[in-house]
């Protein structure tokens, strides 16, 4: 089963699959203008800054009304800032179904797989959402990215501990309204 693109930040269905398998998110508690209402948006409480919390509370009813059955919480909790209290957060009375993880690094399949295996091992039997992975800041060529995709995408699909994954930046997959070579590889493996 392909697990790619189930969420990818912008509500774009890359390959025209049944959209019931697509759950886009966008680092916010509302989908924003132009959102495809046929998709089930997953709101995220990005951080604990009062502006984020107030907006999330105001919009959660709307999200439930339109089919949201999950919420992601706390983007990059390991990073402390004024708007994202990071590891200082204590969650009570919450059911945690899955664990979201990120990975950014060089196009090194073994390094990536080791990171994912470690995340699965510490997730306490929960599946992981790889909500972001990519090579931002590493200057990888398209050839290296393609080799990486060929090595890891089928592997990810075979991992029972992985619920879904989402490559970023989306501009590597879709450019000028067209699916790129890398985008086709992402959809087809």
N, C-alpha and C. Protein backbone atom coordinates (compact mmCIF):
# COMPACT_ATOMS: atom_id res chain seq x y z
N UNK A 1 0.84 -1.19 0.00
CA UNK A 1 0.00 0.00 0.00
C UNK A 1 0.88 1.24 0.00
N UNK A 2 0.61 2.15 -0.92
CA UNK A 2 1.36 3.41 -0.91
C UNK A 2 0.86 4.30 0.23
N UNK A 3 1.79 4.87 0.95
CA UNK A 3 1.47 5.74 2.08
C UNK A 3 1.86 7.18 1.80
N UNK A 4 2.40 7.44 0.61
CA UNK A 4 2.89 8.78 0.30
C UNK A 4 1.75 9.73 0.01
N UNK A 5 1.96 10.98 0.33
CA UNK A 5 1.02 12.03 -0.02
C UNK A 5 -0.24 12.06 0.80
N UNK A 6 -0.34 11.23 1.83
CA UNK A 6 -1.57 11.26 2.63
C UNK A 6 -1.70 12.61 3.32
N UNK A 7 -0.61 13.23 3.61
CA UNK A 7 -0.63 14.61 4.01
C UNK A 7 0.61 15.23 3.41
N UNK A 8 0.44 16.38 2.84
CA UNK A 8 1.63 17.01 2.27
C UNK A 8 1.54 18.51 2.27
N UNK A 9 0.88 19.04 3.26
CA UNK A 9 0.98 20.46 3.51
C UNK A 9 0.11 21.38 2.69
N UNK A 10 -0.31 20.98 1.50
CA UNK A 10 -0.99 21.95 0.66
C UNK A 10 -2.28 21.43 0.05
N UNK A 11 -2.75 20.27 0.44
CA UNK A 11 -4.02 19.77 -0.05
C UNK A 11 -4.02 19.40 -1.52
N UNK A 12 -2.88 19.03 -2.06
CA UNK A 12 -2.77 18.67 -3.47
C UNK A 12 -2.71 17.16 -3.56
N UNK A 13 -3.62 16.57 -4.32
CA UNK A 13 -3.56 15.14 -4.56
C UNK A 13 -2.64 14.92 -5.75
N UNK A 14 -1.48 14.37 -5.51
CA UNK A 14 -0.46 14.30 -6.55
C UNK A 14 -0.80 13.36 -7.69
N UNK A 15 -1.51 12.30 -7.41
CA UNK A 15 -1.67 11.32 -8.48
C UNK A 15 -3.11 10.95 -8.75
N UNK A 16 -4.07 11.71 -8.29
CA UNK A 16 -5.46 11.45 -8.61
C UNK A 16 -6.02 10.22 -7.95
N UNK A 17 -5.31 9.69 -6.94
CA UNK A 17 -5.85 8.55 -6.21
C UNK A 17 -7.13 8.97 -5.50
N UNK A 18 -7.86 7.98 -5.01
CA UNK A 18 -9.03 8.23 -4.19
C UNK A 18 -8.65 9.22 -3.09
N UNK A 19 -9.31 10.36 -3.06
CA UNK A 19 -8.92 11.40 -2.11
C UNK A 19 -9.27 11.05 -0.68
N UNK A 20 -9.99 9.97 -0.43
CA UNK A 20 -10.25 9.57 0.95
C UNK A 20 -8.96 9.18 1.66
N UNK A 21 -7.91 8.89 0.90
CA UNK A 21 -6.63 8.55 1.48
C UNK A 21 -5.73 9.77 1.70
N UNK A 22 -6.20 10.94 1.32
CA UNK A 22 -5.39 12.15 1.43
C UNK A 22 -5.88 12.97 2.62
N UNK A 23 -5.00 13.25 3.54
CA UNK A 23 -5.34 14.06 4.71
C UNK A 23 -4.35 15.21 4.80
N UNK A 24 -4.59 16.28 4.07
CA UNK A 24 -3.62 17.38 4.04
C UNK A 24 -3.60 18.19 5.32
N UNK A 25 -2.47 18.77 5.57
CA UNK A 25 -2.28 19.68 6.70
C UNK A 25 -1.39 20.81 6.22
N UNK A 26 -1.35 21.90 6.99
CA UNK A 26 -0.61 23.07 6.52
C UNK A 26 0.00 23.91 7.63
N UNK A 27 0.34 23.35 8.74
CA UNK A 27 0.91 24.07 9.87
C UNK A 27 -0.07 25.07 10.48
N UNK A 28 -1.36 24.83 10.32
CA UNK A 28 -2.37 25.75 10.84
C UNK A 28 -3.59 24.95 11.27
N UNK A 29 -4.52 25.62 11.92
CA UNK A 29 -5.73 24.95 12.38
C UNK A 29 -6.88 25.10 11.40
N UNK A 30 -6.65 25.73 10.26
CA UNK A 30 -7.67 25.86 9.22
C UNK A 30 -7.01 25.65 7.86
N UNK A 31 -7.74 25.11 6.90
CA UNK A 31 -7.12 24.78 5.62
C UNK A 31 -6.76 25.96 4.74
N UNK A 32 -7.39 27.08 4.90
CA UNK A 32 -7.07 28.23 4.07
C UNK A 32 -7.87 28.28 2.78
N UNK A 33 -7.68 29.35 2.05
CA UNK A 33 -8.42 29.58 0.80
C UNK A 33 -8.10 28.51 -0.24
N UNK A 34 -9.10 28.15 -1.01
CA UNK A 34 -8.92 27.24 -2.12
C UNK A 34 -8.80 25.78 -1.73
N UNK A 35 -9.08 25.45 -0.48
CA UNK A 35 -8.96 24.08 -0.03
C UNK A 35 -10.02 23.20 -0.69
N UNK A 36 -9.64 22.02 -1.14
CA UNK A 36 -10.56 21.06 -1.74
C UNK A 36 -11.38 20.41 -0.62
N UNK A 37 -12.64 20.79 -0.52
CA UNK A 37 -13.51 20.31 0.54
C UNK A 37 -13.78 18.81 0.52
N UNK A 38 -13.40 18.12 -0.56
CA UNK A 38 -13.57 16.67 -0.62
C UNK A 38 -12.52 15.96 0.23
N UNK A 39 -11.48 16.68 0.62
CA UNK A 39 -10.41 16.11 1.42
C UNK A 39 -10.70 16.30 2.91
N UNK A 40 -10.16 15.44 3.73
CA UNK A 40 -10.34 15.54 5.17
C UNK A 40 -9.12 16.25 5.76
N UNK A 41 -9.28 17.53 6.05
CA UNK A 41 -8.19 18.34 6.58
C UNK A 41 -7.82 17.89 8.00
N UNK A 42 -6.52 17.90 8.29
CA UNK A 42 -6.03 17.59 9.63
C UNK A 42 -5.47 18.88 10.23
N UNK A 43 -6.18 19.47 11.20
CA UNK A 43 -5.67 20.70 11.82
C UNK A 43 -4.47 20.40 12.70
N UNK A 44 -3.60 21.40 12.83
CA UNK A 44 -2.45 21.26 13.71
C UNK A 44 -2.42 22.44 14.68
N UNK A 45 -2.24 22.13 15.94
CA UNK A 45 -1.97 23.17 16.93
C UNK A 45 -0.46 23.34 16.90
N UNK A 46 0.00 24.36 16.19
CA UNK A 46 1.42 24.51 15.88
C UNK A 46 2.26 24.72 17.13
N UNK A 47 1.76 25.49 18.07
CA UNK A 47 2.52 25.77 19.28
C UNK A 47 1.60 26.31 20.35
N UNK A 48 2.16 26.63 21.49
CA UNK A 48 1.35 27.07 22.61
C UNK A 48 1.28 28.58 22.78
N UNK A 49 1.77 29.34 21.79
CA UNK A 49 1.59 30.78 21.85
C UNK A 49 0.10 31.09 21.87
N UNK A 50 -0.29 32.11 22.60
CA UNK A 50 -1.72 32.40 22.77
C UNK A 50 -2.43 32.61 21.44
N UNK A 51 -1.75 33.20 20.46
CA UNK A 51 -2.38 33.39 19.14
C UNK A 51 -2.72 32.05 18.49
N UNK A 52 -1.85 31.05 18.63
CA UNK A 52 -2.12 29.72 18.07
C UNK A 52 -3.26 29.03 18.81
N UNK A 53 -3.22 29.08 20.13
CA UNK A 53 -4.25 28.41 20.94
C UNK A 53 -5.61 29.02 20.69
N UNK A 54 -5.72 30.35 20.70
CA UNK A 54 -7.01 31.01 20.49
C UNK A 54 -7.58 30.66 19.12
N UNK A 55 -6.76 30.69 18.09
CA UNK A 55 -7.21 30.38 16.73
C UNK A 55 -7.65 28.91 16.65
N UNK A 56 -6.88 28.03 17.25
CA UNK A 56 -7.20 26.60 17.22
C UNK A 56 -8.55 26.33 17.90
N UNK A 57 -8.76 26.91 19.06
CA UNK A 57 -10.02 26.72 19.79
C UNK A 57 -11.18 27.27 18.98
N UNK A 58 -11.00 28.42 18.36
CA UNK A 58 -12.08 29.04 17.57
C UNK A 58 -12.44 28.20 16.35
N UNK A 59 -11.47 27.47 15.79
CA UNK A 59 -11.70 26.75 14.53
C UNK A 59 -11.92 25.25 14.69
N UNK A 60 -11.75 24.71 15.88
CA UNK A 60 -11.85 23.26 16.02
C UNK A 60 -13.27 22.76 15.73
N UNK A 61 -14.29 23.50 16.11
CA UNK A 61 -15.67 23.09 15.81
C UNK A 61 -15.92 23.00 14.31
N UNK A 62 -15.41 23.98 13.58
CA UNK A 62 -15.54 23.98 12.12
C UNK A 62 -14.86 22.76 11.54
N UNK A 63 -13.67 22.44 12.03
CA UNK A 63 -12.93 21.28 11.52
C UNK A 63 -13.68 19.98 11.77
N UNK A 64 -14.25 19.83 12.93
CA UNK A 64 -15.00 18.61 13.26
C UNK A 64 -16.24 18.53 12.37
N UNK A 65 -16.92 19.65 12.20
CA UNK A 65 -18.11 19.68 11.35
C UNK A 65 -17.80 19.22 9.93
N UNK A 66 -16.61 19.54 9.44
CA UNK A 66 -16.23 19.17 8.09
C UNK A 66 -15.40 17.89 8.02
N UNK A 67 -15.48 17.08 9.05
CA UNK A 67 -14.93 15.73 8.96
C UNK A 67 -13.59 15.46 9.61
N UNK A 68 -12.96 16.45 10.22
CA UNK A 68 -11.67 16.18 10.87
C UNK A 68 -11.88 15.18 11.99
N UNK A 69 -11.08 14.14 12.00
CA UNK A 69 -11.18 13.15 13.07
C UNK A 69 -9.85 12.99 13.80
N UNK A 70 -8.93 13.91 13.52
CA UNK A 70 -7.63 13.89 14.18
C UNK A 70 -7.09 15.31 14.22
N UNK A 71 -6.17 15.52 15.10
CA UNK A 71 -5.46 16.79 15.17
C UNK A 71 -4.00 16.47 15.40
N UNK A 72 -3.13 17.21 14.75
CA UNK A 72 -1.71 17.07 15.05
C UNK A 72 -1.34 18.20 15.99
N UNK A 73 -0.44 17.90 16.87
CA UNK A 73 -0.07 18.91 17.84
C UNK A 73 1.42 19.15 17.91
N UNK A 74 1.75 20.40 18.01
CA UNK A 74 3.07 20.84 18.40
C UNK A 74 4.15 20.49 17.39
N UNK A 75 4.19 21.29 16.34
CA UNK A 75 5.24 21.16 15.33
C UNK A 75 6.59 21.42 15.98
N UNK A 76 7.52 20.52 15.73
CA UNK A 76 8.89 20.63 16.23
C UNK A 76 8.96 20.94 17.72
N UNK A 77 8.40 20.03 18.55
CA UNK A 77 8.38 20.30 19.99
C UNK A 77 9.75 20.34 20.63
N UNK A 78 10.76 19.87 19.92
CA UNK A 78 12.12 19.92 20.45
C UNK A 78 12.73 21.31 20.37
N UNK A 79 12.09 22.22 19.63
CA UNK A 79 12.60 23.58 19.48
C UNK A 79 11.82 24.51 20.37
N UNK A 80 12.51 25.24 21.22
CA UNK A 80 11.85 26.16 22.11
C UNK A 80 11.84 27.56 21.49
N UNK A 81 10.67 28.19 21.53
CA UNK A 81 10.55 29.59 21.13
C UNK A 81 9.41 30.20 21.91
N UNK A 82 9.20 31.48 21.76
CA UNK A 82 8.12 32.14 22.47
C UNK A 82 6.75 31.58 22.08
N UNK A 83 6.60 31.11 20.85
CA UNK A 83 5.31 30.60 20.39
C UNK A 83 5.20 29.08 20.45
N UNK A 84 6.27 28.41 20.74
CA UNK A 84 6.25 26.96 20.74
C UNK A 84 7.03 26.50 21.96
N UNK A 85 6.32 26.12 23.01
CA UNK A 85 6.98 25.84 24.27
C UNK A 85 7.76 24.54 24.30
N UNK A 86 7.80 23.86 23.18
CA UNK A 86 8.68 22.72 23.02
C UNK A 86 8.57 21.68 24.10
N UNK A 87 9.71 21.19 24.54
CA UNK A 87 9.75 20.07 25.48
C UNK A 87 9.20 20.43 26.85
N UNK A 88 8.91 21.69 27.09
CA UNK A 88 8.35 22.09 28.38
C UNK A 88 6.87 21.72 28.49
N UNK A 89 6.29 21.23 27.43
CA UNK A 89 4.88 20.90 27.38
C UNK A 89 4.58 19.62 28.14
N UNK A 90 3.50 19.65 28.91
CA UNK A 90 3.00 18.44 29.56
C UNK A 90 1.58 18.23 29.09
N UNK A 91 1.30 17.09 28.46
CA UNK A 91 -0.02 16.81 27.93
C UNK A 91 -0.74 15.87 28.89
N UNK A 92 -1.96 16.26 29.29
CA UNK A 92 -2.79 15.41 30.13
C UNK A 92 -4.13 15.23 29.46
N UNK A 93 -4.81 14.15 29.78
CA UNK A 93 -6.15 13.87 29.26
C UNK A 93 -6.20 13.91 27.74
N UNK A 94 -5.18 13.44 27.08
CA UNK A 94 -5.17 13.39 25.62
C UNK A 94 -4.84 11.97 25.19
N UNK A 95 -5.51 11.52 24.16
CA UNK A 95 -5.21 10.21 23.58
C UNK A 95 -4.24 10.43 22.43
N UNK A 96 -3.11 9.81 22.51
CA UNK A 96 -2.09 9.94 21.47
C UNK A 96 -2.11 8.67 20.64
N UNK A 97 -2.58 8.80 19.40
CA UNK A 97 -2.71 7.64 18.52
C UNK A 97 -1.46 7.38 17.71
N UNK A 98 -0.81 8.43 17.25
CA UNK A 98 0.35 8.32 16.37
C UNK A 98 1.36 9.39 16.77
N UNK A 99 2.57 9.19 16.33
CA UNK A 99 3.65 10.14 16.63
C UNK A 99 4.15 10.73 15.31
N UNK A 100 4.17 12.05 15.23
CA UNK A 100 4.67 12.72 14.03
C UNK A 100 6.17 12.97 14.19
N UNK A 101 6.92 12.69 13.13
CA UNK A 101 8.36 12.93 13.14
C UNK A 101 8.75 13.65 11.85
N UNK A 102 9.87 14.32 11.91
CA UNK A 102 10.48 14.98 10.75
C UNK A 102 11.85 14.37 10.50
N UNK A 103 12.32 14.52 9.28
CA UNK A 103 13.70 14.19 8.96
C UNK A 103 14.15 15.10 7.83
N UNK A 104 15.25 15.80 8.05
CA UNK A 104 15.92 16.57 7.00
C UNK A 104 17.39 16.20 7.06
N UNK A 105 17.95 15.88 5.92
CA UNK A 105 19.34 15.50 5.88
C UNK A 105 19.79 15.29 4.46
N UNK A 106 21.03 14.81 4.31
CA UNK A 106 21.52 14.51 2.97
C UNK A 106 20.78 13.30 2.40
N UNK A 107 20.84 13.11 1.11
CA UNK A 107 20.16 11.98 0.46
C UNK A 107 20.91 10.69 0.75
N UNK A 108 20.90 10.29 1.99
CA UNK A 108 21.57 9.09 2.46
C UNK A 108 20.50 8.13 2.98
N UNK A 109 20.18 7.12 2.19
CA UNK A 109 19.08 6.21 2.52
C UNK A 109 19.31 5.49 3.84
N UNK A 110 20.53 5.05 4.11
CA UNK A 110 20.79 4.33 5.36
C UNK A 110 20.57 5.23 6.57
N UNK A 111 21.02 6.47 6.48
CA UNK A 111 20.82 7.42 7.58
C UNK A 111 19.33 7.65 7.83
N UNK A 112 18.57 7.85 6.75
CA UNK A 112 17.14 8.06 6.86
C UNK A 112 16.45 6.83 7.46
N UNK A 113 16.75 5.64 6.94
CA UNK A 113 16.12 4.42 7.45
C UNK A 113 16.44 4.21 8.93
N UNK A 114 17.67 4.48 9.34
CA UNK A 114 18.02 4.34 10.76
C UNK A 114 17.22 5.30 11.62
N UNK A 115 17.03 6.53 11.13
CA UNK A 115 16.23 7.51 11.87
C UNK A 115 14.79 7.01 12.02
N UNK A 116 14.22 6.49 10.96
CA UNK A 116 12.84 6.02 10.99
C UNK A 116 12.72 4.79 11.88
N UNK A 117 13.66 3.86 11.79
CA UNK A 117 13.63 2.68 12.67
C UNK A 117 13.69 3.09 14.13
N UNK A 118 14.52 4.07 14.44
CA UNK A 118 14.62 4.54 15.83
C UNK A 118 13.31 5.18 16.26
N UNK A 119 12.70 5.99 15.39
CA UNK A 119 11.42 6.62 15.73
C UNK A 119 10.35 5.56 15.99
N UNK A 120 10.31 4.53 15.15
CA UNK A 120 9.34 3.45 15.35
C UNK A 120 9.59 2.75 16.68
N UNK A 121 10.86 2.53 17.01
CA UNK A 121 11.19 1.80 18.24
C UNK A 121 10.82 2.57 19.50
N UNK A 122 10.81 3.89 19.45
CA UNK A 122 10.47 4.67 20.65
C UNK A 122 9.02 5.15 20.66
N UNK A 123 8.24 4.77 19.66
CA UNK A 123 6.86 5.26 19.55
C UNK A 123 5.88 4.47 20.42
N UNK A 124 6.36 3.52 21.16
CA UNK A 124 5.50 2.80 22.09
C UNK A 124 4.38 2.02 21.41
N UNK A 125 4.67 1.42 20.26
CA UNK A 125 3.66 0.65 19.55
C UNK A 125 2.73 1.46 18.68
N UNK A 126 2.89 2.78 18.72
CA UNK A 126 2.09 3.65 17.84
C UNK A 126 2.77 3.76 16.49
N UNK A 127 1.97 3.96 15.44
CA UNK A 127 2.56 4.22 14.14
C UNK A 127 3.07 5.65 14.10
N UNK A 128 4.02 5.90 13.20
CA UNK A 128 4.54 7.25 13.06
C UNK A 128 4.03 7.86 11.76
N UNK A 129 3.78 9.17 11.83
CA UNK A 129 3.53 10.01 10.67
C UNK A 129 4.86 10.69 10.37
N UNK A 130 5.40 10.49 9.21
CA UNK A 130 6.59 11.26 8.82
C UNK A 130 6.02 12.49 8.14
N UNK A 131 5.73 13.49 8.96
CA UNK A 131 4.99 14.66 8.47
C UNK A 131 5.85 15.56 7.60
N UNK A 132 7.15 15.44 7.70
CA UNK A 132 8.06 16.18 6.82
C UNK A 132 9.34 15.37 6.65
N UNK A 133 9.76 15.21 5.41
CA UNK A 133 11.12 14.73 5.17
C UNK A 133 11.62 15.37 3.89
N UNK A 134 12.90 15.64 3.85
CA UNK A 134 13.47 16.26 2.66
C UNK A 134 14.93 16.58 2.85
N UNK A 135 15.45 17.34 1.90
CA UNK A 135 16.88 17.62 1.83
C UNK A 135 17.17 19.11 1.90
N UNK A 136 16.21 19.90 2.38
CA UNK A 136 16.34 21.36 2.43
C UNK A 136 17.67 21.75 3.06
N UNK A 137 18.41 22.57 2.36
CA UNK A 137 19.68 23.06 2.87
C UNK A 137 20.87 22.15 2.61
N UNK A 138 20.66 21.03 1.92
CA UNK A 138 21.75 20.09 1.69
C UNK A 138 22.23 20.10 0.24
N UNK A 139 21.60 20.88 -0.63
CA UNK A 139 22.08 21.05 -1.99
C UNK A 139 22.12 19.76 -2.81
N UNK A 140 21.17 18.87 -2.57
CA UNK A 140 21.17 17.60 -3.29
C UNK A 140 20.70 17.78 -4.73
N UNK A 141 21.32 17.08 -5.64
CA UNK A 141 20.92 17.11 -7.05
C UNK A 141 19.66 16.27 -7.24
N UNK A 142 18.95 16.50 -8.35
CA UNK A 142 17.78 15.69 -8.65
C UNK A 142 18.15 14.21 -8.79
N UNK A 143 19.32 13.92 -9.36
CA UNK A 143 19.75 12.52 -9.50
C UNK A 143 19.88 11.85 -8.13
N UNK A 144 20.50 12.54 -7.18
CA UNK A 144 20.64 11.97 -5.82
C UNK A 144 19.28 11.82 -5.15
N UNK A 145 18.40 12.80 -5.34
CA UNK A 145 17.05 12.70 -4.76
C UNK A 145 16.31 11.51 -5.36
N UNK A 146 16.43 11.30 -6.66
CA UNK A 146 15.76 10.18 -7.31
C UNK A 146 16.30 8.84 -6.81
N UNK A 147 17.62 8.73 -6.65
CA UNK A 147 18.19 7.49 -6.12
C UNK A 147 17.68 7.23 -4.70
N UNK A 148 17.61 8.30 -3.91
CA UNK A 148 17.09 8.19 -2.55
C UNK A 148 15.64 7.69 -2.56
N UNK A 149 14.80 8.30 -3.39
CA UNK A 149 13.39 7.87 -3.50
C UNK A 149 13.31 6.40 -3.88
N UNK A 150 14.11 5.99 -4.87
CA UNK A 150 14.07 4.59 -5.31
C UNK A 150 14.44 3.64 -4.18
N UNK A 151 15.31 4.08 -3.29
CA UNK A 151 15.76 3.23 -2.20
C UNK A 151 14.81 3.24 -1.01
N UNK A 152 14.14 4.34 -0.74
CA UNK A 152 13.38 4.42 0.52
C UNK A 152 11.86 4.36 0.39
N UNK A 153 11.27 4.77 -0.73
CA UNK A 153 9.80 4.87 -0.76
C UNK A 153 9.12 3.52 -0.64
N UNK A 154 9.55 2.53 -1.37
CA UNK A 154 8.96 1.19 -1.24
C UNK A 154 9.23 0.63 0.15
N UNK A 155 10.40 0.91 0.67
CA UNK A 155 10.75 0.48 2.02
C UNK A 155 9.79 1.10 3.04
N UNK A 156 9.51 2.40 2.90
CA UNK A 156 8.56 3.05 3.81
C UNK A 156 7.19 2.41 3.73
N UNK A 157 6.73 2.14 2.50
CA UNK A 157 5.41 1.54 2.31
C UNK A 157 5.32 0.17 2.98
N UNK A 158 6.43 -0.52 3.10
CA UNK A 158 6.43 -1.87 3.69
C UNK A 158 6.55 -1.85 5.21
N UNK A 159 6.80 -0.69 5.80
CA UNK A 159 7.00 -0.61 7.24
C UNK A 159 5.66 -0.51 7.96
N UNK A 160 5.32 -1.51 8.76
CA UNK A 160 4.08 -1.47 9.53
C UNK A 160 4.03 -0.34 10.53
N UNK A 161 5.17 0.11 10.98
CA UNK A 161 5.23 1.19 11.95
C UNK A 161 5.07 2.57 11.35
N UNK A 162 4.98 2.66 10.01
CA UNK A 162 4.82 3.96 9.34
C UNK A 162 3.38 4.07 8.84
N UNK A 163 2.68 5.09 9.33
CA UNK A 163 1.31 5.33 8.88
C UNK A 163 1.30 6.06 7.55
N UNK A 164 2.11 7.09 7.42
CA UNK A 164 2.20 7.86 6.18
C UNK A 164 3.45 8.71 6.19
N UNK A 165 3.75 9.27 5.02
CA UNK A 165 4.92 10.14 4.92
C UNK A 165 4.64 11.25 3.92
N UNK A 166 5.38 12.33 4.09
CA UNK A 166 5.14 13.52 3.28
C UNK A 166 6.47 14.20 2.97
N UNK A 167 6.79 14.24 1.68
CA UNK A 167 8.03 14.89 1.25
C UNK A 167 7.80 16.40 1.13
N UNK A 168 8.77 17.16 1.55
CA UNK A 168 8.78 18.60 1.35
C UNK A 168 10.17 18.99 0.87
N UNK A 169 10.28 20.02 0.07
CA UNK A 169 9.26 20.98 -0.33
C UNK A 169 8.44 20.48 -1.52
N UNK A 170 7.20 20.85 -1.52
CA UNK A 170 6.27 20.44 -2.58
C UNK A 170 6.75 20.92 -3.95
N UNK A 171 7.51 22.03 -3.98
CA UNK A 171 7.99 22.57 -5.26
C UNK A 171 8.92 21.60 -5.99
N UNK A 172 9.49 20.63 -5.27
CA UNK A 172 10.29 19.59 -5.93
C UNK A 172 9.41 18.59 -6.68
N UNK A 173 8.14 18.49 -6.26
CA UNK A 173 7.23 17.50 -6.83
C UNK A 173 6.30 18.10 -7.88
N UNK A 174 5.97 19.37 -7.70
CA UNK A 174 5.09 20.08 -8.64
C UNK A 174 5.71 21.44 -8.91
N UNK A 175 5.94 21.74 -10.18
CA UNK A 175 6.50 23.04 -10.56
C UNK A 175 5.69 23.59 -11.72
N UNK A 176 5.32 24.84 -11.63
CA UNK A 176 4.54 25.51 -12.68
C UNK A 176 3.27 24.71 -13.02
N UNK A 177 2.66 24.14 -12.00
CA UNK A 177 1.41 23.40 -12.18
C UNK A 177 1.57 22.02 -12.77
N UNK A 178 2.80 21.57 -12.97
CA UNK A 178 3.06 20.26 -13.58
C UNK A 178 3.83 19.37 -12.60
N UNK A 179 3.50 18.09 -12.62
CA UNK A 179 4.23 17.14 -11.81
C UNK A 179 5.62 16.96 -12.41
N UNK A 180 6.64 17.09 -11.58
CA UNK A 180 8.03 16.97 -12.02
C UNK A 180 8.43 15.50 -12.14
N UNK A 181 9.61 15.25 -12.67
CA UNK A 181 10.14 13.88 -12.73
C UNK A 181 10.21 13.29 -11.33
N UNK A 182 10.68 14.07 -10.38
CA UNK A 182 10.76 13.60 -8.99
C UNK A 182 9.35 13.34 -8.45
N UNK A 183 8.39 14.20 -8.80
CA UNK A 183 7.01 14.00 -8.38
C UNK A 183 6.42 12.72 -8.91
N UNK A 184 6.70 12.41 -10.17
CA UNK A 184 6.23 11.14 -10.74
C UNK A 184 6.83 9.94 -10.01
N UNK A 185 8.11 10.05 -9.69
CA UNK A 185 8.78 8.98 -8.96
C UNK A 185 8.14 8.82 -7.58
N UNK A 186 7.86 9.92 -6.92
CA UNK A 186 7.22 9.91 -5.59
C UNK A 186 5.87 9.22 -5.66
N UNK A 187 5.10 9.47 -6.71
CA UNK A 187 3.75 8.90 -6.84
C UNK A 187 3.78 7.44 -7.23
N UNK A 188 4.76 7.06 -8.05
CA UNK A 188 4.70 5.76 -8.71
C UNK A 188 5.42 4.63 -8.01
N UNK A 189 6.33 4.93 -7.12
CA UNK A 189 7.07 3.83 -6.45
C UNK A 189 6.23 3.20 -5.38
